[in-house]
Amino acid sequence: MATKENITKDWQAKILPLVKAGVTVKVHQVIKEKNTKGEEKTRIQIFEGIVLSRKGGVGKSATITVRKIASGGVGVERIFPIWSPAIDKIDLVKEAKVHKAKLYYLKDYKKKLSEKQIKG
């Protein structure tokens, strides 16, 4: 089991906030594209939504599942590997008061979650 002390130097350079279920986050993902001339461009795409679950602990294979409601009321879920080089940064927007570690019930939940203050 990986702990914070024995994290290797490749992914120790990236400092990410401690993300848990119920937190609304903005995930900045680096997207590489090629134009018609064959030139490669990079851009940052932001995906904002609520974290439904976190899996893998603090290890290299840790992932978070983020869900947002897109236009038209359609729910979109994405799974992000936290230590991927494609993830530029993760910003915490707001935090909700939750009692469970996995919030899959939010897919059919109509009410809003009660918010609590983010420290810092």
PDB file of N, CA and C in Angstrom:
ATOM      1  N   MET A   1       0.848  -1.187   0.000  1.00  0.00           N
ATOM      2  CA  MET A   1       0.000   0.000   0.000  1.00  0.00           C
ATOM      3  C   MET A   1       0.890   1.246   0.000  1.00  0.00           C
ATOM      4  N   ALA A   2       0.592   2.150  -0.872  1.00  0.00           N
ATOM      5  CA  ALA A   2       1.387   3.374  -0.987  1.00  0.00           C
ATOM      6  C   ALA A   2       0.945   4.374   0.082  1.00  0.00           C
ATOM      7  N   THR A   3       1.916   5.011   0.688  1.00  0.00           N
ATOM      8  CA  THR A   3       1.620   6.078   1.634  1.00  0.00           C
ATOM      9  C   THR A   3       2.208   7.368   1.093  1.00  0.00           C
ATOM     10  N   LYS A   4       1.892   8.453   1.763  1.00  0.00           N
ATOM     11  CA  LYS A   4       2.378   9.747   1.284  1.00  0.00           C
ATOM     12  C   LYS A   4       3.899   9.851   1.374  1.00  0.00           C
ATOM     13  N   GLU A   5       4.524   9.082   2.288  1.00  0.00           N
ATOM     14  CA  GLU A   5       5.969   9.162   2.452  1.00  0.00           C
ATOM     15  C   GLU A   5       6.729   8.463   1.330  1.00  0.00           C
ATOM     16  N   ASN A   6       6.191   7.352   0.810  1.00  0.00           N
ATOM     17  CA  ASN A   6       6.945   6.604  -0.195  1.00  0.00           C
ATOM     18  C   ASN A   6       6.433   6.814  -1.614  1.00  0.00           C
ATOM     19  N   ILE A   7       5.865   7.950  -1.880  1.00  0.00           N
ATOM     20  CA  ILE A   7       5.440   8.279  -3.237  1.00  0.00           C
ATOM     21  C   ILE A   7       6.689   8.566  -4.067  1.00  0.00           C
ATOM     22  N   THR A   8       6.763   7.990  -5.258  1.00  0.00           N
ATOM     23  CA  THR A   8       7.960   8.175  -6.077  1.00  0.00           C
ATOM     24  C   THR A   8       8.081   9.613  -6.568  1.00  0.00           C
ATOM     25  N   LYS A   9       9.278   9.962  -7.015  1.00  0.00           N
ATOM     26  CA  LYS A   9       9.551  11.351  -7.376  1.00  0.00           C
ATOM     27  C   LYS A   9       8.837  11.785  -8.644  1.00  0.00           C
ATOM     28  N   ASP A  10       8.454  10.843  -9.539  1.00  0.00           N
ATOM     29  CA  ASP A  10       7.773  11.273 -10.765  1.00  0.00           C
ATOM     30  C   ASP A  10       6.465  11.969 -10.433  1.00  0.00           C
ATOM     31  N   TRP A  11       5.695  11.404  -9.544  1.00  0.00           N
ATOM     32  CA  TRP A  11       4.401  12.001  -9.275  1.00  0.00           C
ATOM     33  C   TRP A  11       4.370  12.743  -7.969  1.00  0.00           C
ATOM     34  N   GLN A  12       5.532  12.913  -7.337  1.00  0.00           N
ATOM     35  CA  GLN A  12       5.589  13.736  -6.142  1.00  0.00           C
ATOM     36  C   GLN A  12       5.639  15.211  -6.520  1.00  0.00           C
ATOM     37  N   ALA A  13       6.100  15.507  -7.723  1.00  0.00           N
ATOM     38  CA  ALA A  13       6.192  16.891  -8.168  1.00  0.00           C
ATOM     39  C   ALA A  13       4.809  17.513  -8.329  1.00  0.00           C
ATOM     40  N   LYS A  14       3.803  16.698  -8.629  1.00  0.00           N
ATOM     41  CA  LYS A  14       2.443  17.205  -8.795  1.00  0.00           C
ATOM     42  C   LYS A  14       1.749  17.227  -7.433  1.00  0.00           C
ATOM     43  N   ILE A  15       1.291  18.399  -7.028  1.00  0.00           N
ATOM     44  CA  ILE A  15       0.615  18.527  -5.745  1.00  0.00           C
ATOM     45  C   ILE A  15      -0.861  18.774  -6.022  1.00  0.00           C
ATOM     46  N   LEU A  16      -1.692  17.870  -5.548  1.00  0.00           N
ATOM     47  CA  LEU A  16      -3.125  17.963  -5.758  1.00  0.00           C
ATOM     48  C   LEU A  16      -3.835  18.027  -4.414  1.00  0.00           C
ATOM     49  N   PRO A  17      -4.980  18.697  -4.364  1.00  0.00           N
ATOM     50  CA  PRO A  17      -5.724  18.751  -3.105  1.00  0.00           C
ATOM     51  C   PRO A  17      -6.329  17.390  -2.771  1.00  0.00           C
ATOM     52  N   LEU A  18      -6.627  17.176  -1.516  1.00  0.00           N
ATOM     53  CA  LEU A  18      -7.267  15.939  -1.093  1.00  0.00           C
ATOM     54  C   LEU A  18      -8.736  16.000  -1.504  1.00  0.00           C
ATOM     55  N   VAL A  19      -9.086  15.231  -2.508  1.00  0.00           N
ATOM     56  CA  VAL A  19     -10.425  15.241  -3.064  1.00  0.00           C
ATOM     57  C   VAL A  19     -11.200  14.072  -2.489  1.00  0.00           C
ATOM     58  N   LYS A  20     -12.422  14.337  -2.016  1.00  0.00           N
ATOM     59  CA  LYS A  20     -13.261  13.269  -1.489  1.00  0.00           C
ATOM     60  C   LYS A  20     -14.672  13.425  -2.050  1.00  0.00           C
ATOM     61  N   ALA A  21     -15.515  12.465  -1.780  1.00  0.00           N
ATOM     62  CA  ALA A  21     -16.882  12.474  -2.313  1.00  0.00           C
ATOM     63  C   ALA A  21     -17.655  13.669  -1.762  1.00  0.00           C
ATOM     64  N   GLY A  22     -18.443  14.297  -2.619  1.00  0.00           N
ATOM     65  CA  GLY A  22     -19.255  15.434  -2.217  1.00  0.00           C
ATOM     66  C   GLY A  22     -18.639  16.779  -2.507  1.00  0.00           C
ATOM     67  N   VAL A  23     -17.432  16.809  -3.017  1.00  0.00           N
ATOM     68  CA  VAL A  23     -16.751  18.066  -3.318  1.00  0.00           C
ATOM     69  C   VAL A  23     -16.990  18.409  -4.788  1.00  0.00           C
ATOM     70  N   THR A  24     -17.344  19.645  -5.063  1.00  0.00           N
ATOM     71  CA  THR A  24     -17.451  20.106  -6.439  1.00  0.00           C
ATOM     72  C   THR A  24     -16.078  20.590  -6.874  1.00  0.00           C
ATOM     73  N   VAL A  25     -15.587  20.048  -7.993  1.00  0.00           N
ATOM     74  CA  VAL A  25     -14.227  20.337  -8.446  1.00  0.00           C
ATOM     75  C   VAL A  25     -14.238  20.819  -9.893  1.00  0.00           C
ATOM     76  N   LYS A  26     -13.157  21.515 -10.248  1.00  0.00           N
ATOM     77  CA  LYS A  26     -12.857  21.849 -11.635  1.00  0.00           C
ATOM     78  C   LYS A  26     -11.589  21.092 -11.999  1.00  0.00           C
ATOM     79  N   VAL A  27     -11.701  20.165 -12.943  1.00  0.00           N
ATOM     80  CA  VAL A  27     -10.555  19.376 -13.373  1.00  0.00           C
ATOM     81  C   VAL A  27     -10.034  19.987 -14.665  1.00  0.00           C
ATOM     82  N   HIS A  28      -8.781  20.443 -14.659  1.00  0.00           N
ATOM     83  CA  HIS A  28      -8.142  21.030 -15.828  1.00  0.00           C
ATOM     84  C   HIS A  28      -7.369  19.928 -16.540  1.00  0.00           C
ATOM     85  N   GLN A  29      -7.828  19.560 -17.729  1.00  0.00           N
ATOM     86  CA  GLN A  29      -7.228  18.452 -18.463  1.00  0.00           C
ATOM     87  C   GLN A  29      -6.541  18.985 -19.712  1.00  0.00           C
ATOM     88  N   VAL A  30      -5.318  18.512 -19.963  1.00  0.00           N
ATOM     89  CA  VAL A  30      -4.555  18.920 -21.141  1.00  0.00           C
ATOM     90  C   VAL A  30      -5.000  18.055 -22.317  1.00  0.00           C
ATOM     91  N   ILE A  31      -5.444  18.710 -23.397  1.00  0.00           N
ATOM     92  CA  ILE A  31      -5.901  18.020 -24.604  1.00  0.00           C
ATOM     93  C   ILE A  31      -4.922  18.339 -25.723  1.00  0.00           C
ATOM     94  N   LYS A  32      -4.416  17.298 -26.393  1.00  0.00           N
ATOM     95  CA  LYS A  32      -3.525  17.490 -27.539  1.00  0.00           C
ATOM     96  C   LYS A  32      -4.324  17.244 -28.809  1.00  0.00           C
ATOM     97  N   GLU A  33      -4.240  18.196 -29.746  1.00  0.00           N
ATOM     98  CA  GLU A  33      -4.987  18.104 -31.000  1.00  0.00           C
ATOM     99  C   GLU A  33      -4.052  18.373 -32.161  1.00  0.00           C
ATOM    100  N   LYS A  34      -4.395  17.824 -33.322  1.00  0.00           N
ATOM    101  CA  LYS A  34      -3.667  18.115 -34.550  1.00  0.00           C
ATOM    102  C   LYS A  34      -4.598  18.874 -35.482  1.00  0.00           C
ATOM    103  N   ASN A  35      -4.056  19.917 -36.109  1.00  0.00           N
ATOM    104  CA  ASN A  35      -4.865  20.660 -37.066  1.00  0.00           C
ATOM    105  C   ASN A  35      -4.683  20.046 -38.458  1.00  0.00           C
ATOM    106  N   THR A  36      -5.253  20.662 -39.477  1.00  0.00           N
ATOM    107  CA  THR A  36      -5.204  20.093 -40.828  1.00  0.00           C
ATOM    108  C   THR A  36      -3.791  20.060 -41.404  1.00  0.00           C
ATOM    109  N   LYS A  37      -2.918  20.928 -40.925  1.00  0.00           N
ATOM    110  CA  LYS A  37      -1.531  20.952 -41.412  1.00  0.00           C
ATOM    111  C   LYS A  37      -0.658  19.909 -40.705  1.00  0.00           C
ATOM    112  N   GLY A  38      -1.203  19.250 -39.703  1.00  0.00           N
ATOM    113  CA  GLY A  38      -0.427  18.252 -38.977  1.00  0.00           C
ATOM    114  C   GLY A  38       0.313  18.797 -37.775  1.00  0.00           C
ATOM    115  N   GLU A  39       0.106  20.080 -37.463  1.00  0.00           N
ATOM    116  CA  GLU A  39       0.758  20.676 -36.307  1.00  0.00           C
ATOM    117  C   GLU A  39      -0.001  20.280 -35.044  1.00  0.00           C
ATOM    118  N   GLU A  40       0.738  19.976 -33.992  1.00  0.00           N
ATOM    119  CA  GLU A  40       0.112  19.576 -32.747  1.00  0.00           C
ATOM    120  C   GLU A  40      -0.059  20.774 -31.832  1.00  0.00           C
ATOM    121  N   LYS A  41      -1.270  20.940 -31.306  1.00  0.00           N
ATOM    122  CA  LYS A  41      -1.569  22.031 -30.383  1.00  0.00           C
ATOM    123  C   LYS A  41      -2.077  21.422 -29.087  1.00  0.00           C
ATOM    124  N   THR A  42      -1.812  22.109 -28.001  1.00  0.00           N
ATOM    125  CA  THR A  42      -2.359  21.678 -26.718  1.00  0.00           C
ATOM    126  C   THR A  42      -3.257  22.773 -26.177  1.00  0.00           C
ATOM    127  N   ARG A  43      -4.318  22.335 -25.517  1.00  0.00           N
ATOM    128  CA  ARG A  43      -5.228  23.280 -24.868  1.00  0.00           C
ATOM    129  C   ARG A  43      -5.686  22.652 -23.569  1.00  0.00           C
ATOM    130  N   ILE A  44      -6.261  23.477 -22.715  1.00  0.00           N
ATOM    131  CA  ILE A  44      -6.745  22.998 -21.424  1.00  0.00           C
ATOM    132  C   ILE A  44      -8.265  23.012 -21.461  1.00  0.00           C
ATOM    133  N   GLN A  45      -8.861  21.871 -21.132  1.00  0.00           N
ATOM    134  CA  GLN A  45     -10.317  21.747 -21.086  1.00  0.00           C
ATOM    135  C   GLN A  45     -10.715  21.571 -19.621  1.00  0.00           C
ATOM    136  N   ILE A  46     -11.718  22.328 -19.183  1.00  0.00           N
ATOM    137  CA  ILE A  46     -12.151  22.300 -17.792  1.00  0.00           C
ATOM    138  C   ILE A  46     -13.453  21.507 -17.690  1.00  0.00           C
ATOM    139  N   PHE A  47     -13.477  20.556 -16.769  1.00  0.00           N
ATOM    140  CA  PHE A  47     -14.667  19.744 -16.512  1.00  0.00           C
ATOM    141  C   PHE A  47     -15.049  19.997 -15.062  1.00  0.00           C
ATOM    142  N   GLU A  48     -16.216  20.623 -14.843  1.00  0.00           N
ATOM    143  CA  GLU A  48     -16.651  20.966 -13.494  1.00  0.00           C
ATOM    144  C   GLU A  48     -17.831  20.102 -13.103  1.00  0.00           C
ATOM    145  N   GLY A  49     -17.732  19.467 -11.950  1.00  0.00           N
ATOM    146  CA  GLY A  49     -18.814  18.632 -11.469  1.00  0.00           C
ATOM    147  C   GLY A  49     -18.559  18.170 -10.043  1.00  0.00           C
ATOM    148  N   ILE A  50     -19.477  17.338  -9.535  1.00  0.00           N
ATOM    149  CA  ILE A  50     -19.371  16.835  -8.167  1.00  0.00           C
ATOM    150  C   ILE A  50     -18.697  15.465  -8.178  1.00  0.00           C
ATOM    151  N   VAL A  51     -17.844  15.239  -7.207  1.00  0.00           N
ATOM    152  CA  VAL A  51     -17.131  13.966  -7.102  1.00  0.00           C
ATOM    153  C   VAL A  51     -18.074  12.935  -6.491  1.00  0.00           C
ATOM    154  N   LEU A  52     -18.355  11.868  -7.245  1.00  0.00           N
ATOM    155  CA  LEU A  52     -19.206  10.794  -6.745  1.00  0.00           C
ATOM    156  C   LEU A  52     -18.411   9.793  -5.929  1.00  0.00           C
ATOM    157  N   SER A  53     -17.189   9.498  -6.354  1.00  0.00           N
ATOM    158  CA  SER A  53     -16.391   8.523  -5.616  1.00  0.00           C
ATOM    159  C   SER A  53     -14.913   8.749  -5.867  1.00  0.00           C
ATOM    160  N   ARG A  54     -14.124   8.201  -4.966  1.00  0.00           N
ATOM    161  CA  ARG A  54     -12.672   8.180  -5.104  1.00  0.00           C
ATOM    162  C   ARG A  54     -12.238   6.752  -4.858  1.00  0.00           C
ATOM    163  N   LYS A  55     -11.423   6.216  -5.745  1.00  0.00           N
ATOM    164  CA  LYS A  55     -10.968   4.840  -5.614  1.00  0.00           C
ATOM    165  C   LYS A  55      -9.452   4.792  -5.743  1.00  0.00           C
ATOM    166  N   GLY A  56      -8.835   3.841  -5.101  1.00  0.00           N
ATOM    167  CA  GLY A  56      -7.397   3.637  -5.235  1.00  0.00           C
ATOM    168  C   GLY A  56      -6.553   4.310  -4.186  1.00  0.00           C
ATOM    169  N   GLY A  57      -7.163   4.980  -3.214  1.00  0.00           N
ATOM    170  CA  GLY A  57      -6.402   5.596  -2.125  1.00  0.00           C
ATOM    171  C   GLY A  57      -5.478   6.701  -2.608  1.00  0.00           C
ATOM    172  N   VAL A  58      -4.206   6.656  -2.144  1.00  0.00           N
ATOM    173  CA  VAL A  58      -3.227   7.665  -2.550  1.00  0.00           C
ATOM    174  C   VAL A  58      -2.232   7.094  -3.542  1.00  0.00           C
ATOM    175  N   GLY A  59      -2.480   5.879  -4.013  1.00  0.00           N
ATOM    176  CA  GLY A  59      -1.547   5.214  -4.919  1.00  0.00           C
ATOM    177  C   GLY A  59      -1.573   5.773  -6.320  1.00  0.00           C
ATOM    178  N   LYS A  60      -0.726   5.175  -7.161  1.00  0.00           N
ATOM    179  CA  LYS A  60      -0.600   5.624  -8.541  1.00  0.00           C
ATOM    180  C   LYS A  60      -1.862   5.382  -9.353  1.00  0.00           C
ATOM    181  N   SER A  61      -2.659   4.406  -8.955  1.00  0.00           N
ATOM    182  CA  SER A  61      -3.854   4.066  -9.721  1.00  0.00           C
ATOM    183  C   SER A  61      -5.112   4.743  -9.180  1.00  0.00           C
ATOM    184  N   ALA A  62      -4.966   5.763  -8.351  1.00  0.00           N
ATOM    185  CA  ALA A  62      -6.118   6.445  -7.756  1.00  0.00           C
ATOM    186  C   ALA A  62      -6.925   7.172  -8.820  1.00  0.00           C
ATOM    187  N   THR A  63      -8.258   7.051  -8.742  1.00  0.00           N
ATOM    188  CA  THR A  63      -9.141   7.713  -9.691  1.00  0.00           C
ATOM    189  C   THR A  63     -10.276   8.405  -8.949  1.00  0.00           C
ATOM    190  N   ILE A  64     -10.859   9.405  -9.602  1.00  0.00           N
ATOM    191  CA  ILE A  64     -12.075  10.035  -9.093  1.00  0.00           C
ATOM    192  C   ILE A  64     -13.121   9.999 -10.196  1.00  0.00           C
ATOM    193  N   THR A  65     -14.371   9.818  -9.796  1.00  0.00           N
ATOM    194  CA  THR A  65     -15.495   9.856 -10.729  1.00  0.00           C
ATOM    195  C   THR A  65     -16.206  11.180 -10.531  1.00  0.00           C
ATOM    196  N   VAL A  66     -16.302  11.985 -11.587  1.00  0.00           N
ATOM    197  CA  VAL A  66     -16.897  13.315 -11.524  1.00  0.00           C
ATOM    198  C   VAL A  66     -18.122  13.339 -12.415  1.00  0.00           C
ATOM    199  N   ARG A  67     -19.231  13.901 -11.894  1.00  0.00           N
ATOM    200  CA  ARG A  67     -20.489  13.967 -12.651  1.00  0.00           C
ATOM    201  C   ARG A  67     -20.954  15.406 -12.735  1.00  0.00           C
ATOM    202  N   LYS A  68     -21.359  15.795 -13.930  1.00  0.00           N
ATOM    203  CA  LYS A  68     -21.954  17.128 -14.111  1.00  0.00           C
ATOM    204  C   LYS A  68     -23.240  16.971 -14.896  1.00  0.00           C
ATOM    205  N   ILE A  69     -24.086  17.976 -14.800  1.00  0.00           N
ATOM    206  CA  ILE A  69     -25.320  18.009 -15.573  1.00  0.00           C
ATOM    207  C   ILE A  69     -25.070  18.925 -16.760  1.00  0.00           C
ATOM    208  N   ALA A  70     -25.079  18.344 -17.956  1.00  0.00           N
ATOM    209  CA  ALA A  70     -24.814  19.107 -19.174  1.00  0.00           C
ATOM    210  C   ALA A  70     -26.094  19.801 -19.635  1.00  0.00           C
ATOM    211  N   SER A  71     -25.996  20.501 -20.740  1.00  0.00           N
ATOM    212  CA  SER A  71     -27.159  21.208 -21.267  1.00  0.00           C
ATOM    213  C   SER A  71     -28.236  20.203 -21.648  1.00  0.00           C
ATOM    214  N   GLY A  72     -29.477  20.559 -21.406  1.00  0.00           N
ATOM    215  CA  GLY A  72     -30.577  19.656 -21.692  1.00  0.00           C
ATOM    216  C   GLY A  72     -30.876  18.711 -20.548  1.00  0.00           C
ATOM    217  N   GLY A  73     -30.188  18.876 -19.416  1.00  0.00           N
ATOM    218  CA  GLY A  73     -30.441  18.036 -18.258  1.00  0.00           C
ATOM    219  C   GLY A  73     -29.843  16.643 -18.336  1.00  0.00           C
ATOM    220  N   VAL A  74     -28.894  16.451 -19.247  1.00  0.00           N
ATOM    221  CA  VAL A  74     -28.260  15.141 -19.393  1.00  0.00           C
ATOM    222  C   VAL A  74     -27.059  15.065 -18.461  1.00  0.00           C
ATOM    223  N   GLY A  75     -26.961  13.985 -17.688  1.00  0.00           N
ATOM    224  CA  GLY A  75     -25.837  13.804 -16.784  1.00  0.00           C
ATOM    225  C   GLY A  75     -24.648  13.205 -17.517  1.00  0.00           C
ATOM    226  N   VAL A  76     -23.460  13.756 -17.266  1.00  0.00           N
ATOM    227  CA  VAL A  76     -22.224  13.264 -17.889  1.00  0.00           C
ATOM    228  C   VAL A  76     -21.256  12.895 -16.774  1.00  0.00           C
ATOM    229  N   GLU A  77     -20.742  11.667 -16.816  1.00  0.00           N
ATOM    230  CA  GLU A  77     -19.767  11.216 -15.836  1.00  0.00           C
ATOM    231  C   GLU A  77     -18.443  10.942 -16.512  1.00  0.00           C
ATOM    232  N   ARG A  78     -17.353  11.310 -15.843  1.00  0.00           N
ATOM    233  CA  ARG A  78     -16.022  11.006 -16.351  1.00  0.00           C
ATOM    234  C   ARG A  78     -15.178  10.481 -15.206  1.00  0.00           C
ATOM    235  N   ILE A  79     -14.308   9.558 -15.521  1.00  0.00           N
ATOM    236  CA  ILE A  79     -13.384   9.000 -14.539  1.00  0.00           C
ATOM    237  C   ILE A  79     -11.996   9.547 -14.861  1.00  0.00           C
ATOM    238  N   PHE A  80     -11.398  10.214 -13.883  1.00  0.00           N
ATOM    239  CA  PHE A  80     -10.085  10.821 -14.071  1.00  0.00           C
ATOM    240  C   PHE A  80      -9.047  10.101 -13.228  1.00  0.00           C
ATOM    241  N   PRO A  81      -7.962   9.599 -13.830  1.00  0.00           N
ATOM    242  CA  PRO A  81      -6.833   9.121 -13.033  1.00  0.00           C
ATOM    243  C   PRO A  81      -6.131  10.346 -12.430  1.00  0.00           C
ATOM    244  N   ILE A  82      -6.018  10.391 -11.124  1.00  0.00           N
ATOM    245  CA  ILE A  82      -5.520  11.594 -10.453  1.00  0.00           C
ATOM    246  C   ILE A  82      -4.080  11.920 -10.839  1.00  0.00           C
ATOM    247  N   TRP A  83      -3.233  10.903 -10.962  1.00  0.00           N
ATOM    248  CA  TRP A  83      -1.822  11.142 -11.207  1.00  0.00           C
ATOM    249  C   TRP A  83      -1.463  11.135 -12.689  1.00  0.00           C
ATOM    250  N   SER A  84      -2.442  11.203 -13.570  1.00  0.00           N
ATOM    251  CA  SER A  84      -2.189  11.209 -15.003  1.00  0.00           C
ATOM    252  C   SER A  84      -1.481  12.505 -15.408  1.00  0.00           C
ATOM    253  N   PRO A  85      -0.525  12.437 -16.349  1.00  0.00           N
ATOM    254  CA  PRO A  85       0.108  13.673 -16.813  1.00  0.00           C
ATOM    255  C   PRO A  85      -0.858  14.561 -17.595  1.00  0.00           C
ATOM    256  N   ALA A  86      -1.992  14.009 -18.011  1.00  0.00           N
ATOM    257  CA  ALA A  86      -2.986  14.804 -18.733  1.00  0.00           C
ATOM    258  C   ALA A  86      -3.781  15.707 -17.804  1.00  0.00           C
ATOM    259  N   ILE A  87      -3.752  15.461 -16.498  1.00  0.00           N
ATOM    260  CA  ILE A  87      -4.453  16.310 -15.536  1.00  0.00           C
ATOM    261  C   ILE A  87      -3.503  17.416 -15.104  1.00  0.00           C
ATOM    262  N   ASP A  88      -3.854  18.659 -15.452  1.00  0.00           N
ATOM    263  CA  ASP A  88      -2.998  19.799 -15.119  1.00  0.00           C
ATOM    264  C   ASP A  88      -3.166  20.184 -13.657  1.00  0.00           C
ATOM    265  N   LYS A  89      -4.411  20.406 -13.232  1.00  0.00           N
ATOM    266  CA  LYS A  89      -4.666  20.731 -11.836  1.00  0.00           C
ATOM    267  C   LYS A  89      -6.123  20.446 -11.510  1.00  0.00           C
ATOM    268  N   ILE A  90      -6.409  20.380 -10.219  1.00  0.00           N
ATOM    269  CA  ILE A  90      -7.765  20.162  -9.728  1.00  0.00           C
ATOM    270  C   ILE A  90      -8.056  21.268  -8.725  1.00  0.00           C
ATOM    271  N   ASP A  91      -9.104  22.060  -8.995  1.00  0.00           N
ATOM    272  CA  ASP A  91      -9.497  23.141  -8.098  1.00  0.00           C
ATOM    273  C   ASP A  91     -10.749  22.730  -7.334  1.00  0.00           C
ATOM    274  N   LEU A  92     -10.775  23.001  -6.021  1.00  0.00           N
ATOM    275  CA  LEU A  92     -11.963  22.761  -5.220  1.00  0.00           C
ATOM    276  C   LEU A  92     -12.862  23.986  -5.309  1.00  0.00           C
ATOM    277  N   VAL A  93     -14.127  23.791  -5.663  1.00  0.00           N
ATOM    278  CA  VAL A  93     -15.061  24.903  -5.794  1.00  0.00           C
ATOM    279  C   VAL A  93     -15.900  25.037  -4.535  1.00  0.00           C
ATOM    280  N   LYS A  94     -16.605  23.961  -4.163  1.00  0.00           N
ATOM    281  CA  LYS A  94     -17.390  23.966  -2.936  1.00  0.00           C
ATOM    282  C   LYS A  94     -17.495  22.548  -2.412  1.00  0.00           C
ATOM    283  N   GLU A  95     -17.911  22.444  -1.166  1.00  0.00           N
ATOM    284  CA  GLU A  95     -17.976  21.147  -0.508  1.00  0.00           C
ATOM    285  C   GLU A  95     -19.367  20.953   0.067  1.00  0.00           C
ATOM    286  N   ALA A  96     -19.917  19.761  -0.084  1.00  0.00           N
ATOM    287  CA  ALA A  96     -21.237  19.442   0.444  1.00  0.00           C
ATOM    288  C   ALA A  96     -21.095  18.529   1.649  1.00  0.00           C
ATOM    289  N   LYS A  97     -22.084  18.571   2.520  1.00  0.00           N
ATOM    290  CA  LYS A  97     -22.086  17.712   3.688  1.00  0.00           C
ATOM    291  C   LYS A  97     -22.687  16.367   3.281  1.00  0.00           C
ATOM    292  N   VAL A  98     -21.880  15.308   3.304  1.00  0.00           N
ATOM    293  CA  VAL A  98     -22.350  13.985   2.898  1.00  0.00           C
ATOM    294  C   VAL A  98     -21.986  12.979   3.992  1.00  0.00           C
ATOM    295  N   HIS A  99     -22.698  11.855   4.018  1.00  0.00           N
ATOM    296  CA  HIS A  99     -22.479  10.827   5.023  1.00  0.00           C
ATOM    297  C   HIS A  99     -21.990   9.519   4.417  1.00  0.00           C
ATOM    298  N   LYS A 100     -21.791   9.490   3.115  1.00  0.00           N
ATOM    299  CA  LYS A 100     -21.361   8.263   2.455  1.00  0.00           C
ATOM    300  C   LYS A 100     -20.091   8.523   1.653  1.00  0.00           C
ATOM    301  N   ALA A 101     -19.348   7.449   1.376  1.00  0.00           N
ATOM    302  CA  ALA A 101     -18.119   7.573   0.606  1.00  0.00           C
ATOM    303  C   ALA A 101     -18.376   7.471  -0.887  1.00  0.00           C
ATOM    304  N   LYS A 102     -19.462   6.832  -1.285  1.00  0.00           N
ATOM    305  CA  LYS A 102     -19.826   6.683  -2.691  1.00  0.00           C
ATOM    306  C   LYS A 102     -21.205   7.297  -2.881  1.00  0.00           C
ATOM    307  N   LEU A 103     -21.306   8.272  -3.766  1.00  0.00           N
ATOM    308  CA  LEU A 103     -22.551   9.033  -3.929  1.00  0.00           C
ATOM    309  C   LEU A 103     -23.279   8.688  -5.223  1.00  0.00           C
ATOM    310  N   TYR A 104     -23.339   7.410  -5.565  1.00  0.00           N
ATOM    311  CA  TYR A 104     -23.997   7.016  -6.808  1.00  0.00           C
ATOM    312  C   TYR A 104     -25.499   7.282  -6.780  1.00  0.00           C
ATOM    313  N   TYR A 105     -26.070   7.461  -5.596  1.00  0.00           N
ATOM    314  CA  TYR A 105     -27.494   7.754  -5.504  1.00  0.00           C
ATOM    315  C   TYR A 105     -27.830   9.131  -6.056  1.00  0.00           C
ATOM    316  N   LEU A 106     -26.841   9.989  -6.271  1.00  0.00           N
ATOM    317  CA  LEU A 106     -27.101  11.328  -6.796  1.00  0.00           C
ATOM    318  C   LEU A 106     -27.601  11.309  -8.239  1.00  0.00           C
ATOM    319  N   LYS A 107     -27.446  10.167  -8.930  1.00  0.00           N
ATOM    320  CA  LYS A 107     -27.921  10.071 -10.305  1.00  0.00           C
ATOM    321  C   LYS A 107     -29.432  10.247 -10.371  1.00  0.00           C
ATOM    322  N   ASP A 108     -30.140   9.746  -9.363  1.00  0.00           N
ATOM    323  CA  ASP A 108     -31.604   9.843  -9.336  1.00  0.00           C
ATOM    324  C   ASP A 108     -32.108  10.804  -8.268  1.00  0.00           C
ATOM    325  N   TYR A 109     -31.221  11.498  -7.584  1.00  0.00           N
ATOM    326  CA  TYR A 109     -31.574  12.364  -6.464  1.00  0.00           C
ATOM    327  C   TYR A 109     -31.981  13.730  -6.995  1.00  0.00           C
ATOM    328  N   LYS A 110     -33.127  14.231  -6.593  1.00  0.00           N
ATOM    329  CA  LYS A 110     -33.640  15.500  -7.126  1.00  0.00           C
ATOM    330  C   LYS A 110     -33.294  16.701  -6.251  1.00  0.00           C
ATOM    331  N   LYS A 111     -33.050  16.480  -4.957  1.00  0.00           N
ATOM    332  CA  LYS A 111     -32.770  17.597  -4.057  1.00  0.00           C
ATOM    333  C   LYS A 111     -31.306  17.999  -4.156  1.00  0.00           C
ATOM    334  N   LYS A 112     -30.998  19.190  -3.671  1.00  0.00           N
ATOM    335  CA  LYS A 112     -29.608  19.636  -3.627  1.00  0.00           C
ATOM    336  C   LYS A 112     -28.985  19.239  -2.305  1.00  0.00           C
ATOM    337  N   LEU A 113     -27.682  19.052  -2.319  1.00  0.00           N
ATOM    338  CA  LEU A 113     -26.953  18.729  -1.094  1.00  0.00           C
ATOM    339  C   LEU A 113     -26.685  20.001  -0.310  1.00  0.00           C
ATOM    340  N   SER A 114     -26.661  19.888   1.020  1.00  0.00           N
ATOM    341  CA  SER A 114     -26.365  21.068   1.826  1.00  0.00           C
ATOM    342  C   SER A 114     -24.866  21.330   1.776  1.00  0.00           C
ATOM    343  N   GLU A 115     -24.513  22.595   1.657  1.00  0.00           N
ATOM    344  CA  GLU A 115     -23.113  22.980   1.503  1.00  0.00           C
ATOM    345  C   GLU A 115     -22.477  23.271   2.846  1.00  0.00           C
ATOM    346  N   LYS A 116     -21.157  23.114   2.908  1.00  0.00           N
ATOM    347  CA  LYS A 116     -20.403  23.570   4.056  1.00  0.00           C
ATOM    348  C   LYS A 116     -19.184  24.331   3.541  1.00  0.00           C
ATOM    349  N   GLN A 117     -18.590  25.121   4.400  1.00  0.00           N
ATOM    350  CA  GLN A 117     -17.501  26.002   4.011  1.00  0.00           C
ATOM    351  C   GLN A 117     -16.243  25.196   3.691  1.00  0.00           C
ATOM    352  N   ILE A 118     -15.491  25.666   2.689  1.00  0.00           N
ATOM    353  CA  ILE A 118     -14.184  25.096   2.375  1.00  0.00           C
ATOM    354  C   ILE A 118     -13.153  25.856   3.179  1.00  0.00           C
ATOM    355  N   LYS A 119     -12.304  25.096   3.856  1.00  0.00           N
ATOM    356  CA  LYS A 119     -11.264  25.732   4.665  1.00  0.00           C
ATOM    357  C   LYS A 119     -10.148  26.206   3.764  1.00  0.00           C
ATOM    358  N   GLY A 120      -9.764  27.458   3.918  1.00  0.00           N
ATOM    359  CA  GLY A 120      -8.635  27.980   3.166  1.00  0.00           C
ATOM    360  C   GLY A 120      -8.966  28.781   2.006  1.00  0.00           C
TER     361      GLY A 120
END
